[in-house]
């Protein structure tokens, strides 16, 4: 069984795409889990993160955490998912990120996610 941890905030327009897709995502052999905090990472091993990203035009897999853009940490609010994923990787854990453009069309996103997660 493949575990896909789905992140996003339904209350923020730039971060709500994945949350709005959860009811449309169902694939055999894949468990989609809605996550609300980076702490949810600690409950799983060998997973895929599904989240939105800025600066991309098409859905893409990122296997290397160094591909994630780093922000300056100024306050506790800045300890976001990106920070925790990089820390998680430094601890020797493995994961992939399936990044969807934050402003991507919902139907195209469901199709792309299905295609990218379906074994060939």
Foldseek 3Di string as FASTA:
>chain_A
DAEEEEEFDCVDLLTNLSVVCVVVDDDPPYDYHYDYALVVVVVDAAHEYETEDAPDDAWDKAFDLVVDDDDDDDDPVRCGNSVSVVVCVVVVGGYMYGYGHSPDDNVVVNVRVCVVPDDD
